[in-house]
Protein backbone atom coordinates (compact mmCIF):
# COMPACT_ATOMS: atom_id res chain seq x y z
CA UNK A 1 0.00 0.00 0.00
CA UNK A 2 1.33 3.45 -0.89
CA UNK A 3 2.23 6.04 1.73
CA UNK A 4 -0.79 7.40 3.54
CA UNK A 5 -1.09 10.75 5.31
CA UNK A 6 -3.28 11.38 8.34
CA UNK A 7 -5.82 14.17 7.74
CA UNK A 8 -8.28 13.59 10.58
CA UNK A 9 -9.78 11.32 13.21
CA UNK A 10 -13.44 10.45 13.65
CA UNK A 11 -14.57 12.14 16.86
CA UNK A 12 -18.06 10.62 17.07
CA UNK A 13 -21.26 9.85 15.25
CA UNK A 14 -23.55 12.76 14.40
CA UNK A 15 -27.28 12.36 13.96
CA UNK A 16 -28.94 9.07 13.11
CA UNK A 17 -28.09 8.72 9.41
CA UNK A 18 -24.46 7.61 9.64
CA UNK A 19 -22.72 10.98 9.66
CA UNK A 20 -19.50 11.49 11.62
CA UNK A 21 -17.75 14.55 13.05
CA UNK A 22 -14.03 14.74 12.34
CA UNK A 23 -11.20 16.20 14.43
CA UNK A 24 -8.79 17.75 11.94
CA UNK A 25 -5.15 16.76 11.45
CA UNK A 26 -4.63 18.99 8.42
CA UNK A 27 -4.20 22.69 7.73
CA UNK A 28 -6.22 22.29 4.52
CA UNK A 29 -9.66 21.02 5.58
CA UNK A 30 -11.54 22.48 2.60
CA UNK A 31 -9.17 20.61 0.25
CA UNK A 32 -9.18 17.28 2.08
CA UNK A 33 -12.86 17.07 2.97
CA UNK A 34 -15.00 17.72 -0.08
CA UNK A 35 -17.69 15.77 -1.88
CA UNK A 36 -16.14 13.09 -4.06
CA UNK A 37 -12.83 12.92 -2.15
CA UNK A 38 -11.53 9.47 -1.21
CA UNK A 39 -10.48 8.65 2.36
CA UNK A 40 -8.86 5.55 3.78
CA UNK A 41 -10.78 4.85 6.98
CA UNK A 42 -9.05 2.91 9.79
CA UNK A 43 -6.73 1.04 7.40
CA UNK A 44 -9.57 -0.43 5.35
CA UNK A 45 -8.36 -1.85 2.05
CA UNK A 46 -10.70 0.27 -0.08
CA UNK A 47 -11.15 4.03 0.25
CA UNK A 48 -14.53 5.50 1.11
CA UNK A 49 -15.97 8.36 -0.89
CA UNK A 50 -17.26 11.48 0.84
CA UNK A 51 -20.91 11.78 -0.21
CA UNK A 52 -21.76 14.93 1.71
CA UNK A 53 -19.85 17.40 3.89
CA UNK A 54 -20.60 20.49 5.89
CA UNK A 55 -18.50 22.29 8.46
CA UNK A 56 -19.77 22.91 11.97
CA UNK A 57 -17.63 24.98 14.36
CA UNK A 58 -14.62 24.41 12.12
CA UNK A 59 -14.95 20.62 11.97
CA UNK A 60 -16.25 18.61 9.03
CA UNK A 61 -19.41 16.56 9.39
CA UNK A 62 -19.17 13.77 6.80
CA UNK A 63 -21.41 11.26 5.12
CA UNK A 64 -19.27 8.39 3.83
CA UNK A 65 -20.20 5.75 1.27
CA UNK A 66 -21.23 2.55 3.08
CA UNK A 67 -21.88 4.22 6.44
CA UNK A 68 -25.64 4.66 6.70
CA UNK A 69 -26.68 4.05 10.30
CA UNK A 70 -25.80 5.52 13.66
CA UNK A 71 -24.39 2.14 14.74
CA UNK A 72 -22.03 2.05 11.73
CA UNK A 73 -20.97 5.64 12.44
CA UNK A 74 -20.42 4.97 16.16
CA UNK A 75 -18.16 2.03 15.25
CA UNK A 76 -15.82 4.51 13.51
CA UNK A 77 -15.21 6.64 16.64
CA UNK A 78 -11.45 7.17 16.96
CA UNK A 79 -10.71 5.87 13.45
CA UNK A 80 -7.93 7.60 11.54
CA UNK A 81 -8.78 9.15 8.17
CA UNK A 82 -5.96 9.17 5.64
CA UNK A 83 -5.28 10.17 2.05
CA UNK A 84 -2.77 8.81 -0.42
CA UNK A 85 0.44 10.85 -0.43
CA UNK A 86 0.26 10.94 -4.24
CA UNK A 87 -3.04 12.87 -3.97
CA UNK A 88 -1.45 15.72 -2.02
CA UNK A 89 -0.49 18.68 -4.25
CA UNK A 90 2.83 20.49 -4.03
CA UNK A 91 2.94 23.60 -1.86
CA UNK A 92 4.46 26.99 -2.69
CA UNK A 93 8.04 27.67 -1.57
CA UNK A 94 8.38 28.22 2.16
CA UNK A 95 5.22 26.27 3.04
CA UNK A 96 5.53 22.69 4.30
CA UNK A 97 3.30 19.78 5.11
CA UNK A 98 3.54 18.57 8.70
CA UNK A 99 4.70 15.13 7.59
CA UNK A 100 7.64 16.78 5.78
CA UNK A 101 8.91 18.25 9.06
CA UNK A 102 8.51 15.22 11.33
CA UNK A 103 11.87 13.49 11.62
CA UNK A 104 13.93 16.61 10.83
CA UNK A 105 16.91 17.29 13.06
CA UNK A 106 16.76 20.70 14.75
CA UNK A 107 20.00 22.62 15.24
CA UNK A 108 20.76 26.11 16.44
CA UNK A 109 22.60 28.65 14.27
CA UNK A 110 25.99 27.46 15.62
CA UNK A 111 25.22 23.89 14.54
CA UNK A 112 24.54 22.50 18.02
CA UNK A 113 21.90 19.76 17.97
CA UNK A 114 18.69 20.53 19.85
CA UNK A 115 16.70 17.42 18.96
CA UNK A 116 14.42 15.79 16.41
CA UNK A 117 10.92 16.89 15.38
CA UNK A 118 8.31 14.37 16.55
CA UNK A 119 5.25 16.40 15.62
CA UNK A 120 3.77 19.73 14.60
CA UNK A 121 0.95 21.19 16.71
CA UNK A 122 -1.51 23.99 16.20
CA UNK A 123 -3.22 25.57 13.22
CA UNK A 124 -1.31 26.89 10.22
CA UNK A 125 -0.96 30.44 11.56
CA UNK A 126 0.18 29.32 15.04
CA UNK A 127 2.07 26.07 14.43
CA UNK A 128 4.87 24.91 16.67
CA UNK A 129 7.43 22.15 16.32
CA UNK A 130 7.41 19.43 18.96
CA UNK A 131 11.08 18.52 19.40
CA UNK A 132 12.40 15.54 21.35
CA UNK A 133 15.61 16.76 23.00
CA UNK A 134 17.99 15.18 25.48
CA UNK A 135 16.33 17.24 28.24
CA UNK A 136 12.76 16.47 27.24
CA UNK A 137 10.16 17.90 24.91
CA UNK A 138 10.75 21.37 23.48
CA UNK A 139 8.10 23.46 21.72
CA UNK A 140 9.44 25.85 19.09
CA UNK A 141 7.15 28.33 17.29
CA UNK A 142 7.21 27.69 13.54
CA UNK A 143 7.85 31.29 12.48
CA UNK A 144 10.42 32.73 10.06
CA UNK A 145 12.12 34.78 12.80
CA UNK A 146 12.94 31.60 14.78
CA UNK A 147 13.07 28.84 12.14
CA UNK A 148 15.60 30.47 9.84
CA UNK A 149 16.22 27.49 7.54
CA UNK A 150 13.91 24.58 6.83
CA UNK A 151 15.19 21.86 4.50
CA UNK A 152 12.91 18.81 4.58
CA UNK A 153 14.96 17.07 1.86
CA UNK A 154 18.12 17.24 4.02
CA UNK A 155 15.94 16.66 7.13
CA UNK A 156 17.36 19.77 8.88
CA UNK A 157 15.77 22.77 10.55
CA UNK A 158 18.03 25.58 11.78
CA UNK A 159 16.60 27.77 14.53
CA UNK A 160 17.59 31.05 16.10
CA UNK A 161 15.48 30.95 19.27
CA UNK A 162 15.11 33.90 21.63
CA UNK A 163 17.11 33.62 24.83
CA UNK A 164 15.57 31.07 27.20
CA UNK A 165 13.09 29.50 24.73
CA UNK A 166 14.76 26.09 24.58
CA UNK A 167 15.03 25.89 28.39
CA UNK A 168 11.49 27.22 28.90
CA UNK A 169 9.80 23.99 27.82
CA UNK A 170 12.17 21.47 29.38
C-alpha atoms as a PDB file:
ATOM      1  CA  UNK A   1       0.000   0.000   0.000  1.00  0.00           C
ATOM      2  CA  UNK A   2       1.333   3.451  -0.890  1.00  0.00           C
ATOM      3  CA  UNK A   3       2.234   6.044   1.734  1.00  0.00           C
ATOM      4  CA  UNK A   4      -0.792   7.397   3.545  1.00  0.00           C
ATOM      5  CA  UNK A   5      -1.088  10.750   5.307  1.00  0.00           C
ATOM      6  CA  UNK A   6      -3.275  11.377   8.345  1.00  0.00           C
ATOM      7  CA  UNK A   7      -5.815  14.171   7.743  1.00  0.00           C
ATOM      8  CA  UNK A   8      -8.278  13.591  10.584  1.00  0.00           C
ATOM      9  CA  UNK A   9      -9.785  11.319  13.205  1.00  0.00           C
ATOM     10  CA  UNK A  10     -13.440  10.449  13.646  1.00  0.00           C
ATOM     11  CA  UNK A  11     -14.569  12.142  16.861  1.00  0.00           C
ATOM     12  CA  UNK A  12     -18.057  10.622  17.065  1.00  0.00           C
ATOM     13  CA  UNK A  13     -21.261   9.850  15.246  1.00  0.00           C
ATOM     14  CA  UNK A  14     -23.548  12.760  14.400  1.00  0.00           C
ATOM     15  CA  UNK A  15     -27.277  12.357  13.962  1.00  0.00           C
ATOM     16  CA  UNK A  16     -28.942   9.071  13.108  1.00  0.00           C
ATOM     17  CA  UNK A  17     -28.088   8.721   9.409  1.00  0.00           C
ATOM     18  CA  UNK A  18     -24.459   7.608   9.643  1.00  0.00           C
ATOM     19  CA  UNK A  19     -22.717  10.976   9.664  1.00  0.00           C
ATOM     20  CA  UNK A  20     -19.501  11.488  11.618  1.00  0.00           C
ATOM     21  CA  UNK A  21     -17.753  14.549  13.053  1.00  0.00           C
ATOM     22  CA  UNK A  22     -14.028  14.736  12.343  1.00  0.00           C
ATOM     23  CA  UNK A  23     -11.196  16.200  14.426  1.00  0.00           C
ATOM     24  CA  UNK A  24      -8.786  17.749  11.944  1.00  0.00           C
ATOM     25  CA  UNK A  25      -5.152  16.756  11.448  1.00  0.00           C
ATOM     26  CA  UNK A  26      -4.634  18.992   8.416  1.00  0.00           C
ATOM     27  CA  UNK A  27      -4.202  22.687   7.732  1.00  0.00           C
ATOM     28  CA  UNK A  28      -6.222  22.289   4.518  1.00  0.00           C
ATOM     29  CA  UNK A  29      -9.662  21.017   5.584  1.00  0.00           C
ATOM     30  CA  UNK A  30     -11.535  22.475   2.603  1.00  0.00           C
ATOM     31  CA  UNK A  31      -9.168  20.612   0.248  1.00  0.00           C
ATOM     32  CA  UNK A  32      -9.185  17.278   2.079  1.00  0.00           C
ATOM     33  CA  UNK A  33     -12.862  17.066   2.965  1.00  0.00           C
ATOM     34  CA  UNK A  34     -15.002  17.721  -0.083  1.00  0.00           C
ATOM     35  CA  UNK A  35     -17.687  15.770  -1.884  1.00  0.00           C
ATOM     36  CA  UNK A  36     -16.144  13.086  -4.065  1.00  0.00           C
ATOM     37  CA  UNK A  37     -12.834  12.922  -2.154  1.00  0.00           C
ATOM     38  CA  UNK A  38     -11.534   9.473  -1.210  1.00  0.00           C
ATOM     39  CA  UNK A  39     -10.480   8.649   2.362  1.00  0.00           C
ATOM     40  CA  UNK A  40      -8.860   5.549   3.781  1.00  0.00           C
ATOM     41  CA  UNK A  41     -10.782   4.849   6.982  1.00  0.00           C
ATOM     42  CA  UNK A  42      -9.050   2.915   9.793  1.00  0.00           C
ATOM     43  CA  UNK A  43      -6.725   1.039   7.401  1.00  0.00           C
ATOM     44  CA  UNK A  44      -9.566  -0.433   5.353  1.00  0.00           C
ATOM     45  CA  UNK A  45      -8.360  -1.854   2.046  1.00  0.00           C
ATOM     46  CA  UNK A  46     -10.699   0.268  -0.076  1.00  0.00           C
ATOM     47  CA  UNK A  47     -11.145   4.030   0.247  1.00  0.00           C
ATOM     48  CA  UNK A  48     -14.529   5.501   1.109  1.00  0.00           C
ATOM     49  CA  UNK A  49     -15.974   8.359  -0.887  1.00  0.00           C
ATOM     50  CA  UNK A  50     -17.263  11.480   0.839  1.00  0.00           C
ATOM     51  CA  UNK A  51     -20.914  11.778  -0.211  1.00  0.00           C
ATOM     52  CA  UNK A  52     -21.758  14.934   1.713  1.00  0.00           C
ATOM     53  CA  UNK A  53     -19.849  17.396   3.885  1.00  0.00           C
ATOM     54  CA  UNK A  54     -20.600  20.486   5.889  1.00  0.00           C
ATOM     55  CA  UNK A  55     -18.504  22.292   8.457  1.00  0.00           C
ATOM     56  CA  UNK A  56     -19.775  22.910  11.970  1.00  0.00           C
ATOM     57  CA  UNK A  57     -17.635  24.978  14.364  1.00  0.00           C
ATOM     58  CA  UNK A  58     -14.624  24.408  12.119  1.00  0.00           C
ATOM     59  CA  UNK A  59     -14.951  20.625  11.968  1.00  0.00           C
ATOM     60  CA  UNK A  60     -16.247  18.606   9.031  1.00  0.00           C
ATOM     61  CA  UNK A  61     -19.410  16.561   9.388  1.00  0.00           C
ATOM     62  CA  UNK A  62     -19.173  13.773   6.803  1.00  0.00           C
ATOM     63  CA  UNK A  63     -21.406  11.256   5.119  1.00  0.00           C
ATOM     64  CA  UNK A  64     -19.267   8.389   3.831  1.00  0.00           C
ATOM     65  CA  UNK A  65     -20.199   5.751   1.266  1.00  0.00           C
ATOM     66  CA  UNK A  66     -21.226   2.551   3.078  1.00  0.00           C
ATOM     67  CA  UNK A  67     -21.875   4.217   6.443  1.00  0.00           C
ATOM     68  CA  UNK A  68     -25.639   4.658   6.696  1.00  0.00           C
ATOM     69  CA  UNK A  69     -26.680   4.047  10.304  1.00  0.00           C
ATOM     70  CA  UNK A  70     -25.803   5.525  13.664  1.00  0.00           C
ATOM     71  CA  UNK A  71     -24.387   2.141  14.735  1.00  0.00           C
ATOM     72  CA  UNK A  72     -22.033   2.055  11.732  1.00  0.00           C
ATOM     73  CA  UNK A  73     -20.969   5.645  12.436  1.00  0.00           C
ATOM     74  CA  UNK A  74     -20.415   4.970  16.158  1.00  0.00           C
ATOM     75  CA  UNK A  75     -18.165   2.029  15.255  1.00  0.00           C
ATOM     76  CA  UNK A  76     -15.819   4.512  13.509  1.00  0.00           C
ATOM     77  CA  UNK A  77     -15.209   6.641  16.636  1.00  0.00           C
ATOM     78  CA  UNK A  78     -11.455   7.173  16.956  1.00  0.00           C
ATOM     79  CA  UNK A  79     -10.711   5.869  13.452  1.00  0.00           C
ATOM     80  CA  UNK A  80      -7.932   7.599  11.540  1.00  0.00           C
ATOM     81  CA  UNK A  81      -8.780   9.150   8.173  1.00  0.00           C
ATOM     82  CA  UNK A  82      -5.962   9.169   5.641  1.00  0.00           C
ATOM     83  CA  UNK A  83      -5.284  10.170   2.049  1.00  0.00           C
ATOM     84  CA  UNK A  84      -2.767   8.811  -0.422  1.00  0.00           C
ATOM     85  CA  UNK A  85       0.444  10.852  -0.435  1.00  0.00           C
ATOM     86  CA  UNK A  86       0.258  10.941  -4.240  1.00  0.00           C
ATOM     87  CA  UNK A  87      -3.039  12.865  -3.972  1.00  0.00           C
ATOM     88  CA  UNK A  88      -1.450  15.723  -2.022  1.00  0.00           C
ATOM     89  CA  UNK A  89      -0.489  18.680  -4.250  1.00  0.00           C
ATOM     90  CA  UNK A  90       2.830  20.485  -4.029  1.00  0.00           C
ATOM     91  CA  UNK A  91       2.944  23.601  -1.864  1.00  0.00           C
ATOM     92  CA  UNK A  92       4.457  26.987  -2.692  1.00  0.00           C
ATOM     93  CA  UNK A  93       8.044  27.668  -1.569  1.00  0.00           C
ATOM     94  CA  UNK A  94       8.377  28.220   2.158  1.00  0.00           C
ATOM     95  CA  UNK A  95       5.225  26.272   3.040  1.00  0.00           C
ATOM     96  CA  UNK A  96       5.532  22.690   4.300  1.00  0.00           C
ATOM     97  CA  UNK A  97       3.297  19.782   5.112  1.00  0.00           C
ATOM     98  CA  UNK A  98       3.540  18.567   8.700  1.00  0.00           C
ATOM     99  CA  UNK A  99       4.704  15.134   7.587  1.00  0.00           C
ATOM    100  CA  UNK A 100       7.642  16.776   5.778  1.00  0.00           C
ATOM    101  CA  UNK A 101       8.907  18.253   9.061  1.00  0.00           C
ATOM    102  CA  UNK A 102       8.513  15.221  11.325  1.00  0.00           C
ATOM    103  CA  UNK A 103      11.873  13.493  11.615  1.00  0.00           C
ATOM    104  CA  UNK A 104      13.932  16.606  10.828  1.00  0.00           C
ATOM    105  CA  UNK A 105      16.909  17.286  13.059  1.00  0.00           C
ATOM    106  CA  UNK A 106      16.758  20.697  14.754  1.00  0.00           C
ATOM    107  CA  UNK A 107      20.003  22.621  15.237  1.00  0.00           C
ATOM    108  CA  UNK A 108      20.764  26.106  16.440  1.00  0.00           C
ATOM    109  CA  UNK A 109      22.605  28.645  14.268  1.00  0.00           C
ATOM    110  CA  UNK A 110      25.987  27.460  15.619  1.00  0.00           C
ATOM    111  CA  UNK A 111      25.223  23.892  14.543  1.00  0.00           C
ATOM    112  CA  UNK A 112      24.536  22.505  18.019  1.00  0.00           C
ATOM    113  CA  UNK A 113      21.901  19.756  17.966  1.00  0.00           C
ATOM    114  CA  UNK A 114      18.689  20.533  19.850  1.00  0.00           C
ATOM    115  CA  UNK A 115      16.702  17.422  18.962  1.00  0.00           C
ATOM    116  CA  UNK A 116      14.421  15.792  16.410  1.00  0.00           C
ATOM    117  CA  UNK A 117      10.918  16.891  15.376  1.00  0.00           C
ATOM    118  CA  UNK A 118       8.311  14.374  16.550  1.00  0.00           C
ATOM    119  CA  UNK A 119       5.249  16.402  15.623  1.00  0.00           C
ATOM    120  CA  UNK A 120       3.769  19.726  14.599  1.00  0.00           C
ATOM    121  CA  UNK A 121       0.953  21.194  16.706  1.00  0.00           C
ATOM    122  CA  UNK A 122      -1.514  23.990  16.203  1.00  0.00           C
ATOM    123  CA  UNK A 123      -3.224  25.571  13.216  1.00  0.00           C
ATOM    124  CA  UNK A 124      -1.307  26.888  10.215  1.00  0.00           C
ATOM    125  CA  UNK A 125      -0.962  30.437  11.558  1.00  0.00           C
ATOM    126  CA  UNK A 126       0.182  29.316  15.043  1.00  0.00           C
ATOM    127  CA  UNK A 127       2.075  26.073  14.425  1.00  0.00           C
ATOM    128  CA  UNK A 128       4.875  24.906  16.666  1.00  0.00           C
ATOM    129  CA  UNK A 129       7.426  22.150  16.320  1.00  0.00           C
ATOM    130  CA  UNK A 130       7.414  19.425  18.959  1.00  0.00           C
ATOM    131  CA  UNK A 131      11.076  18.524  19.398  1.00  0.00           C
ATOM    132  CA  UNK A 132      12.396  15.543  21.352  1.00  0.00           C
ATOM    133  CA  UNK A 133      15.606  16.765  22.997  1.00  0.00           C
ATOM    134  CA  UNK A 134      17.986  15.182  25.484  1.00  0.00           C
ATOM    135  CA  UNK A 135      16.330  17.238  28.242  1.00  0.00           C
ATOM    136  CA  UNK A 136      12.761  16.471  27.244  1.00  0.00           C
ATOM    137  CA  UNK A 137      10.156  17.895  24.907  1.00  0.00           C
ATOM    138  CA  UNK A 138      10.752  21.374  23.485  1.00  0.00           C
ATOM    139  CA  UNK A 139       8.101  23.459  21.718  1.00  0.00           C
ATOM    140  CA  UNK A 140       9.444  25.849  19.089  1.00  0.00           C
ATOM    141  CA  UNK A 141       7.154  28.329  17.287  1.00  0.00           C
ATOM    142  CA  UNK A 142       7.209  27.694  13.542  1.00  0.00           C
ATOM    143  CA  UNK A 143       7.855  31.289  12.475  1.00  0.00           C
ATOM    144  CA  UNK A 144      10.421  32.731  10.062  1.00  0.00           C
ATOM    145  CA  UNK A 145      12.120  34.779  12.797  1.00  0.00           C
ATOM    146  CA  UNK A 146      12.937  31.605  14.780  1.00  0.00           C
ATOM    147  CA  UNK A 147      13.071  28.841  12.143  1.00  0.00           C
ATOM    148  CA  UNK A 148      15.597  30.466   9.836  1.00  0.00           C
ATOM    149  CA  UNK A 149      16.217  27.489   7.540  1.00  0.00           C
ATOM    150  CA  UNK A 150      13.914  24.577   6.827  1.00  0.00           C
ATOM    151  CA  UNK A 151      15.192  21.863   4.501  1.00  0.00           C
ATOM    152  CA  UNK A 152      12.913  18.814   4.577  1.00  0.00           C
ATOM    153  CA  UNK A 153      14.958  17.068   1.864  1.00  0.00           C
ATOM    154  CA  UNK A 154      18.118  17.245   4.020  1.00  0.00           C
ATOM    155  CA  UNK A 155      15.942  16.658   7.131  1.00  0.00           C
ATOM    156  CA  UNK A 156      17.356  19.768   8.883  1.00  0.00           C
ATOM    157  CA  UNK A 157      15.766  22.769  10.553  1.00  0.00           C
ATOM    158  CA  UNK A 158      18.031  25.580  11.783  1.00  0.00           C
ATOM    159  CA  UNK A 159      16.596  27.767  14.527  1.00  0.00           C
ATOM    160  CA  UNK A 160      17.593  31.048  16.105  1.00  0.00           C
ATOM    161  CA  UNK A 161      15.484  30.949  19.269  1.00  0.00           C
ATOM    162  CA  UNK A 162      15.111  33.898  21.628  1.00  0.00           C
ATOM    163  CA  UNK A 163      17.105  33.620  24.829  1.00  0.00           C
ATOM    164  CA  UNK A 164      15.567  31.066  27.197  1.00  0.00           C
ATOM    165  CA  UNK A 165      13.090  29.502  24.725  1.00  0.00           C
ATOM    166  CA  UNK A 166      14.764  26.091  24.581  1.00  0.00           C
ATOM    167  CA  UNK A 167      15.029  25.891  28.393  1.00  0.00           C
ATOM    168  CA  UNK A 168      11.489  27.220  28.901  1.00  0.00           C
ATOM    169  CA  UNK A 169       9.804  23.988  27.825  1.00  0.00           C
ATOM    170  CA  UNK A 170      12.171  21.468  29.385  1.00  0.00           C
END
